[in-house]
Amino acid sequence: MSDSPWLLLIWIWWIAQDDRLSRKIEKRLMDGAESLAISSVSIYEAVLHIRRGRVVIDLPLNEWLHVATVEAGISVMAVNDDIAANAAALPAHHGDPLDRMIIATALYRDALLVSVDGQFSRYESLAGRLLSGKD
């Protein structure tokens, strides 16, 4: 599998070296077997959470984004028309359309998806492609 898009919490916990990140996920991310990537949707979600005060950062936003992606060696995968169409066609197991966009990105890129969201396991198409923080 190629790059691994991961959800906002895991990305932020990884950057902040937060102990809420499970040892299993931390070990997998650190083993270097796969390159690390996030969906561009996660950038959108991060900025919303930062602006709403749900996530606190210690740098100006643009500088933090640079540190949290470029300096951390994390690439950002853009959403294209195929990903958007596939996200809209996914079963609505998950009520959040942005999370369906992340799922569609992982499927399109044939990537491992790392998540702490229990709803993701309901998607049969993620079988063998989902590393859950709950496992």
Protein backbone atom coordinates (compact mmCIF):
# COMPACT_ATOMS: atom_id res chain seq x y z
CA MET A 1 0.00 0.00 0.00
CA SER A 2 1.11 3.54 -0.60
CA ASP A 3 0.88 6.67 1.59
CA SER A 4 -1.31 6.52 4.69
CA PRO A 5 -3.92 9.24 5.17
CA TRP A 6 -4.83 9.56 8.82
CA LEU A 7 -7.43 11.38 10.72
CA LEU A 8 -7.05 14.71 12.38
CA LEU A 9 -6.62 13.44 15.95
CA ILE A 10 -3.90 10.96 15.09
CA TRP A 11 -2.05 13.56 13.03
CA ILE A 12 -2.24 16.17 15.80
CA TRP A 13 -1.35 13.64 18.51
CA TRP A 14 1.62 12.45 16.44
CA ILE A 15 2.93 16.00 15.90
CA ALA A 16 2.41 16.92 19.57
CA GLN A 17 3.84 13.58 20.78
CA ASP A 18 0.65 13.19 22.79
CA ASP A 19 0.37 10.08 24.97
CA ARG A 20 -3.24 9.54 23.79
CA LEU A 21 -1.77 8.01 20.63
CA SER A 22 -1.83 4.24 21.15
CA ARG A 23 1.48 2.41 21.29
CA LYS A 24 0.37 0.20 18.39
CA ILE A 25 -0.26 3.16 16.11
CA GLU A 26 2.84 5.01 17.27
CA LYS A 27 4.97 1.94 16.55
CA ARG A 28 3.43 1.51 13.09
CA LEU A 29 4.00 5.17 12.23
CA MET A 30 7.58 5.06 13.46
CA ASP A 31 8.58 1.85 11.68
CA GLY A 32 9.07 3.74 8.42
CA ALA A 33 7.62 0.97 6.26
CA GLU A 34 5.12 3.37 4.71
CA SER A 35 5.44 7.02 3.92
CA LEU A 36 3.14 9.22 5.98
CA ALA A 37 0.42 11.32 4.43
CA ILE A 38 -2.83 13.04 5.30
CA SER A 39 -5.76 14.02 3.17
CA SER A 40 -6.14 17.71 2.37
CA VAL A 41 -9.47 17.36 4.18
CA SER A 42 -7.49 16.99 7.42
CA ILE A 43 -5.92 20.42 6.84
CA TYR A 44 -9.40 21.89 6.50
CA GLU A 45 -10.58 20.14 9.67
CA ALA A 46 -7.47 21.17 11.61
CA VAL A 47 -7.91 24.84 10.75
CA LEU A 48 -11.57 24.70 11.80
CA HIS A 49 -10.67 23.08 15.13
CA ILE A 50 -7.87 25.57 15.74
CA ARG A 51 -10.10 28.56 14.98
CA ARG A 52 -12.84 27.19 17.25
CA GLY A 53 -10.35 26.66 20.08
CA ARG A 54 -10.74 22.86 20.14
CA VAL A 55 -7.08 22.44 19.22
CA VAL A 56 -4.44 24.74 20.65
CA ILE A 57 -1.22 25.34 18.76
CA ASP A 58 1.87 27.22 19.89
CA LEU A 59 2.81 28.77 16.55
CA PRO A 60 1.10 31.00 13.99
CA LEU A 61 -1.23 28.86 11.86
CA ASN A 62 0.78 28.83 8.61
CA GLU A 63 4.00 28.09 10.48
CA TRP A 64 2.34 25.28 12.43
CA LEU A 65 0.95 23.76 9.22
CA HIS A 66 4.43 23.84 7.69
CA VAL A 67 5.95 22.19 10.77
CA ALA A 68 3.10 19.63 10.96
CA THR A 69 3.48 18.59 7.32
CA VAL A 70 6.70 19.52 5.53
CA GLU A 71 9.05 19.44 8.51
CA ALA A 72 7.39 16.30 9.88
CA GLY A 73 7.82 14.50 6.55
CA ILE A 74 4.09 14.19 6.02
CA SER A 75 2.74 14.69 2.52
CA VAL A 76 -0.73 16.07 1.83
CA MET A 77 -2.91 14.20 -0.65
CA ALA A 78 -5.32 16.42 -2.56
CA VAL A 79 -8.92 15.43 -3.14
CA ASN A 80 -9.62 15.05 -6.86
CA ASP A 81 -12.84 14.51 -8.80
CA ASP A 82 -12.61 10.70 -8.58
CA ILE A 83 -12.15 10.82 -4.81
CA ALA A 84 -15.05 13.26 -4.42
CA ALA A 85 -17.35 11.09 -6.53
CA ASN A 86 -16.31 7.92 -4.70
CA ALA A 87 -16.88 9.60 -1.33
CA ALA A 88 -20.41 10.55 -2.37
CA ALA A 89 -21.08 6.97 -3.48
CA LEU A 90 -19.91 5.37 -0.21
CA PRO A 91 -22.56 3.97 2.12
CA ALA A 92 -23.56 6.55 4.72
CA HIS A 93 -22.33 4.45 7.66
CA HIS A 94 -20.53 7.54 8.79
CA GLY A 95 -22.56 10.73 9.06
CA ASP A 96 -19.59 13.02 8.46
CA PRO A 97 -19.06 13.65 4.73
CA LEU A 98 -15.49 14.81 5.41
CA ASP A 99 -14.66 11.44 6.96
CA ARG A 100 -16.16 9.71 3.91
CA MET A 101 -13.82 11.92 1.84
CA ILE A 102 -10.87 10.61 3.88
CA ILE A 103 -12.05 7.01 3.40
CA ALA A 104 -12.39 7.57 -0.34
CA THR A 105 -8.87 9.04 -0.44
CA ALA A 106 -7.43 5.93 1.22
CA LEU A 107 -9.30 3.66 -1.17
CA TYR A 108 -8.29 5.68 -4.25
CA ARG A 109 -4.63 5.74 -3.18
CA ASP A 110 -4.68 2.07 -2.08
CA ALA A 111 -3.41 3.27 1.28
CA LEU A 112 -3.58 2.12 4.85
CA LEU A 113 -6.00 4.30 6.81
CA VAL A 114 -5.13 4.95 10.44
CA SER A 115 -8.09 5.98 12.57
CA VAL A 116 -9.51 6.07 16.08
CA ASP A 117 -13.03 6.40 14.67
CA GLY A 118 -15.04 3.25 15.37
CA GLN A 119 -17.41 3.92 12.46
CA PHE A 120 -14.69 3.29 9.87
CA SER A 121 -14.69 -0.45 10.49
CA ARG A 122 -18.26 -0.59 9.14
CA TYR A 123 -16.90 0.00 5.62
CA GLU A 124 -16.23 -3.40 4.06
CA SER A 125 -14.07 -1.75 1.40
CA LEU A 126 -11.55 -0.84 4.14
CA ALA A 127 -10.98 -4.49 5.09
CA GLY A 128 -7.23 -4.98 5.29
CA ARG A 129 -6.63 -1.23 4.91
CA LEU A 130 -7.68 0.03 8.34
CA LEU A 131 -5.46 0.34 11.40
CA SER A 132 -7.72 1.24 14.28
CA GLY A 133 -6.58 2.80 17.51
CA LYS A 134 -9.18 0.60 19.16
CA ASP A 135 -7.61 -2.71 18.01
